[in-house]
Amino acid sequence: MSSHGREAADTPIPLWIRLFCFALMGPAMGINAVLVALALPFMAPYGTDGLVLAGIAGFFTGILPARWLARRIHQGIAE
């Protein structure tokens, strides 16, 4: 790794970058989870309640790619 990567890792990621990334990834993952739930035949008995729960689970799962994206953006800004 270059020394630039170490400098970016030493400084904390600002809150606005984290919130921005979650605002992007949370709804995207929620929509994807609902589409996957629609495609799975065994989800049919759960109806709209199952779709809502899948969307909520996907929304909170969006934290994982949002953290990765925030780190990448922060590294890019630090360089």
N, C-alpha and C. Protein backbone atom coordinates (compact mmCIF):
# COMPACT_ATOMS: atom_id res chain seq x y z
N MET A 1 0.83 -1.18 0.00
CA MET A 1 0.00 0.00 0.00
C MET A 1 0.87 1.25 0.00
N SER A 2 0.32 2.29 -0.48
CA SER A 2 1.04 3.55 -0.46
C SER A 2 0.84 4.25 0.88
N SER A 3 1.60 5.28 1.08
CA SER A 3 1.46 6.02 2.33
C SER A 3 0.14 6.79 2.39
N HIS A 4 -0.46 7.05 1.23
CA HIS A 4 -1.74 7.76 1.22
C HIS A 4 -2.83 6.95 1.89
N GLY A 5 -2.84 5.63 1.67
CA GLY A 5 -3.84 4.77 2.28
C GLY A 5 -3.74 4.77 3.79
N ARG A 6 -2.53 4.87 4.31
CA ARG A 6 -2.35 4.90 5.75
C ARG A 6 -2.85 6.22 6.35
N GLU A 7 -2.63 7.31 5.65
CA GLU A 7 -3.10 8.60 6.15
C GLU A 7 -4.62 8.62 6.22
N ALA A 8 -5.28 8.06 5.23
CA ALA A 8 -6.75 8.04 5.21
C ALA A 8 -7.28 7.14 6.32
N ALA A 9 -6.54 6.07 6.63
CA ALA A 9 -7.00 5.15 7.67
C ALA A 9 -6.82 5.77 9.05
N ASP A 10 -5.87 6.70 9.20
CA ASP A 10 -5.63 7.31 10.51
C ASP A 10 -6.71 8.30 10.90
N THR A 11 -7.30 8.99 9.93
CA THR A 11 -8.33 9.97 10.24
C THR A 11 -9.70 9.30 10.23
N PRO A 12 -10.58 9.67 11.16
CA PRO A 12 -11.91 9.06 11.18
C PRO A 12 -12.76 9.53 9.99
N ILE A 13 -13.66 8.68 9.59
CA ILE A 13 -14.56 9.01 8.48
C ILE A 13 -15.61 9.98 9.00
N PRO A 14 -15.80 11.12 8.32
CA PRO A 14 -16.80 12.10 8.78
C PRO A 14 -18.22 11.52 8.74
N LEU A 15 -19.04 12.01 9.63
CA LEU A 15 -20.42 11.52 9.75
C LEU A 15 -21.21 11.79 8.47
N TRP A 16 -20.97 12.91 7.81
CA TRP A 16 -21.76 13.24 6.61
C TRP A 16 -21.48 12.24 5.49
N ILE A 17 -20.28 11.70 5.40
CA ILE A 17 -19.99 10.69 4.38
C ILE A 17 -20.73 9.41 4.71
N ARG A 18 -20.72 9.02 5.98
CA ARG A 18 -21.43 7.79 6.38
C ARG A 18 -22.92 7.91 6.12
N LEU A 19 -23.51 9.04 6.48
CA LEU A 19 -24.96 9.22 6.26
C LEU A 19 -25.30 9.27 4.78
N PHE A 20 -24.45 9.93 3.99
CA PHE A 20 -24.68 9.99 2.55
C PHE A 20 -24.66 8.60 1.94
N CYS A 21 -23.69 7.80 2.31
CA CYS A 21 -23.57 6.45 1.75
C CYS A 21 -24.74 5.57 2.19
N PHE A 22 -25.17 5.72 3.45
CA PHE A 22 -26.33 4.93 3.88
C PHE A 22 -27.60 5.39 3.19
N ALA A 23 -27.71 6.69 2.90
CA ALA A 23 -28.87 7.19 2.18
C ALA A 23 -28.93 6.62 0.77
N LEU A 24 -27.77 6.29 0.21
CA LEU A 24 -27.74 5.66 -1.11
C LEU A 24 -28.01 4.17 -1.03
N MET A 25 -27.32 3.49 -0.12
CA MET A 25 -27.34 2.04 -0.11
C MET A 25 -28.52 1.43 0.65
N GLY A 26 -29.05 2.11 1.65
CA GLY A 26 -30.17 1.57 2.41
C GLY A 26 -31.40 1.32 1.54
N PRO A 27 -31.91 2.34 0.85
CA PRO A 27 -33.08 2.10 -0.02
C PRO A 27 -32.79 1.15 -1.18
N ALA A 28 -31.58 1.20 -1.71
CA ALA A 28 -31.24 0.30 -2.82
C ALA A 28 -31.29 -1.16 -2.37
N MET A 29 -30.74 -1.44 -1.21
CA MET A 29 -30.77 -2.82 -0.70
C MET A 29 -32.19 -3.22 -0.31
N GLY A 30 -32.99 -2.28 0.18
CA GLY A 30 -34.38 -2.59 0.50
C GLY A 30 -35.18 -2.98 -0.73
N ILE A 31 -34.99 -2.23 -1.81
CA ILE A 31 -35.67 -2.55 -3.07
C ILE A 31 -35.21 -3.89 -3.61
N ASN A 32 -33.92 -4.15 -3.55
CA ASN A 32 -33.40 -5.44 -4.02
C ASN A 32 -33.96 -6.59 -3.20
N ALA A 33 -34.07 -6.41 -1.89
CA ALA A 33 -34.61 -7.48 -1.04
C ALA A 33 -36.08 -7.76 -1.38
N VAL A 34 -36.84 -6.72 -1.67
CA VAL A 34 -38.24 -6.93 -2.04
C VAL A 34 -38.33 -7.66 -3.38
N LEU A 35 -37.49 -7.31 -4.33
CA LEU A 35 -37.51 -7.99 -5.62
C LEU A 35 -37.11 -9.46 -5.48
N VAL A 36 -36.16 -9.76 -4.62
CA VAL A 36 -35.78 -11.15 -4.38
C VAL A 36 -36.94 -11.88 -3.72
N ALA A 37 -37.61 -11.24 -2.76
CA ALA A 37 -38.75 -11.87 -2.10
C ALA A 37 -39.89 -12.15 -3.09
N LEU A 38 -40.06 -11.27 -4.06
CA LEU A 38 -41.08 -11.51 -5.09
C LEU A 38 -40.73 -12.70 -5.98
N ALA A 39 -39.46 -12.92 -6.18
CA ALA A 39 -39.01 -14.00 -7.07
C ALA A 39 -39.03 -15.37 -6.39
N LEU A 40 -39.07 -15.43 -5.08
CA LEU A 40 -39.03 -16.70 -4.37
C LEU A 40 -40.44 -17.22 -4.13
N PRO A 41 -40.74 -18.40 -4.67
CA PRO A 41 -42.11 -18.93 -4.52
C PRO A 41 -42.51 -19.21 -3.07
N PHE A 42 -41.57 -19.59 -2.21
CA PHE A 42 -41.95 -19.91 -0.84
C PHE A 42 -42.29 -18.68 -0.01
N MET A 43 -42.10 -17.48 -0.55
CA MET A 43 -42.49 -16.25 0.15
C MET A 43 -43.95 -15.87 -0.11
N ALA A 44 -44.60 -16.55 -1.03
CA ALA A 44 -45.97 -16.20 -1.41
C ALA A 44 -46.97 -16.26 -0.25
N PRO A 45 -46.90 -17.24 0.65
CA PRO A 45 -47.88 -17.26 1.74
C PRO A 45 -47.78 -16.07 2.69
N TYR A 46 -46.68 -15.39 2.71
CA TYR A 46 -46.51 -14.27 3.64
C TYR A 46 -47.10 -12.97 3.12
N GLY A 47 -47.40 -12.90 1.85
CA GLY A 47 -48.09 -11.75 1.27
C GLY A 47 -47.33 -10.44 1.41
N THR A 48 -48.10 -9.37 1.57
CA THR A 48 -47.47 -8.04 1.65
C THR A 48 -46.68 -7.87 2.95
N ASP A 49 -47.08 -8.56 4.01
CA ASP A 49 -46.31 -8.47 5.25
C ASP A 49 -44.89 -9.00 5.04
N GLY A 50 -44.78 -10.08 4.28
CA GLY A 50 -43.46 -10.63 3.97
C GLY A 50 -42.63 -9.68 3.12
N LEU A 51 -43.29 -8.98 2.20
CA LEU A 51 -42.56 -8.01 1.38
C LEU A 51 -42.06 -6.83 2.21
N VAL A 52 -42.90 -6.38 3.12
CA VAL A 52 -42.50 -5.26 3.99
C VAL A 52 -41.33 -5.68 4.88
N LEU A 53 -41.41 -6.87 5.46
CA LEU A 53 -40.32 -7.34 6.31
C LEU A 53 -39.04 -7.57 5.52
N ALA A 54 -39.16 -8.06 4.30
CA ALA A 54 -37.98 -8.23 3.45
C ALA A 54 -37.36 -6.87 3.12
N GLY A 55 -38.19 -5.87 2.86
CA GLY A 55 -37.69 -4.53 2.58
C GLY A 55 -36.99 -3.92 3.78
N ILE A 56 -37.54 -4.12 4.97
CA ILE A 56 -36.92 -3.59 6.18
C ILE A 56 -35.59 -4.29 6.44
N ALA A 57 -35.57 -5.61 6.28
CA ALA A 57 -34.32 -6.35 6.47
C ALA A 57 -33.26 -5.91 5.46
N GLY A 58 -33.68 -5.71 4.22
CA GLY A 58 -32.74 -5.24 3.20
C GLY A 58 -32.24 -3.83 3.48
N PHE A 59 -33.12 -2.99 3.98
CA PHE A 59 -32.74 -1.61 4.31
C PHE A 59 -31.63 -1.60 5.36
N PHE A 60 -31.79 -2.40 6.41
CA PHE A 60 -30.77 -2.43 7.45
C PHE A 60 -29.52 -3.20 7.02
N THR A 61 -29.66 -4.11 6.07
CA THR A 61 -28.49 -4.78 5.52
C THR A 61 -27.67 -3.83 4.67
N GLY A 62 -28.27 -2.75 4.22
CA GLY A 62 -27.57 -1.74 3.44
C GLY A 62 -26.46 -1.05 4.22
N ILE A 63 -26.39 -1.26 5.53
CA ILE A 63 -25.31 -0.69 6.33
C ILE A 63 -23.97 -1.25 5.89
N LEU A 64 -23.94 -2.52 5.52
CA LEU A 64 -22.67 -3.16 5.17
C LEU A 64 -22.03 -2.55 3.92
N PRO A 65 -22.73 -2.46 2.79
CA PRO A 65 -22.07 -1.81 1.64
C PRO A 65 -21.88 -0.31 1.84
N ALA A 66 -22.70 0.30 2.69
CA ALA A 66 -22.53 1.74 2.95
C ALA A 66 -21.22 2.00 3.70
N ARG A 67 -20.87 1.12 4.62
CA ARG A 67 -19.60 1.28 5.33
C ARG A 67 -18.42 1.16 4.36
N TRP A 68 -18.50 0.18 3.47
CA TRP A 68 -17.43 -0.01 2.49
C TRP A 68 -17.32 1.21 1.58
N LEU A 69 -18.46 1.70 1.10
CA LEU A 69 -18.46 2.85 0.21
C LEU A 69 -17.94 4.10 0.92
N ALA A 70 -18.28 4.28 2.18
CA ALA A 70 -17.80 5.44 2.93
C ALA A 70 -16.28 5.39 3.08
N ARG A 71 -15.74 4.20 3.34
CA ARG A 71 -14.28 4.08 3.44
C ARG A 71 -13.61 4.42 2.13
N ARG A 72 -14.17 3.93 1.02
CA ARG A 72 -13.58 4.19 -0.29
C ARG A 72 -13.64 5.68 -0.64
N ILE A 73 -14.75 6.33 -0.36
CA ILE A 73 -14.88 7.76 -0.64
C ILE A 73 -13.91 8.55 0.23
N HIS A 74 -13.81 8.17 1.49
CA HIS A 74 -12.90 8.86 2.40
C HIS A 74 -11.44 8.71 1.95
N GLN A 75 -11.08 7.53 1.48
CA GLN A 75 -9.72 7.33 0.96
C GLN A 75 -9.48 8.19 -0.27
N GLY A 76 -10.48 8.30 -1.13
CA GLY A 76 -10.35 9.11 -2.33
C GLY A 76 -10.22 10.58 -2.02
N ILE A 77 -10.98 11.06 -1.04
CA ILE A 77 -10.90 12.48 -0.66
C ILE A 77 -9.55 12.76 0.01
N ALA A 78 -9.06 11.81 0.81
CA ALA A 78 -7.80 12.03 1.52
C ALA A 78 -6.61 12.10 0.57
N GLU A 79 -6.72 11.44 -0.58
CA GLU A 79 -5.62 11.49 -1.55
C GLU A 79 -5.67 12.79 -2.27
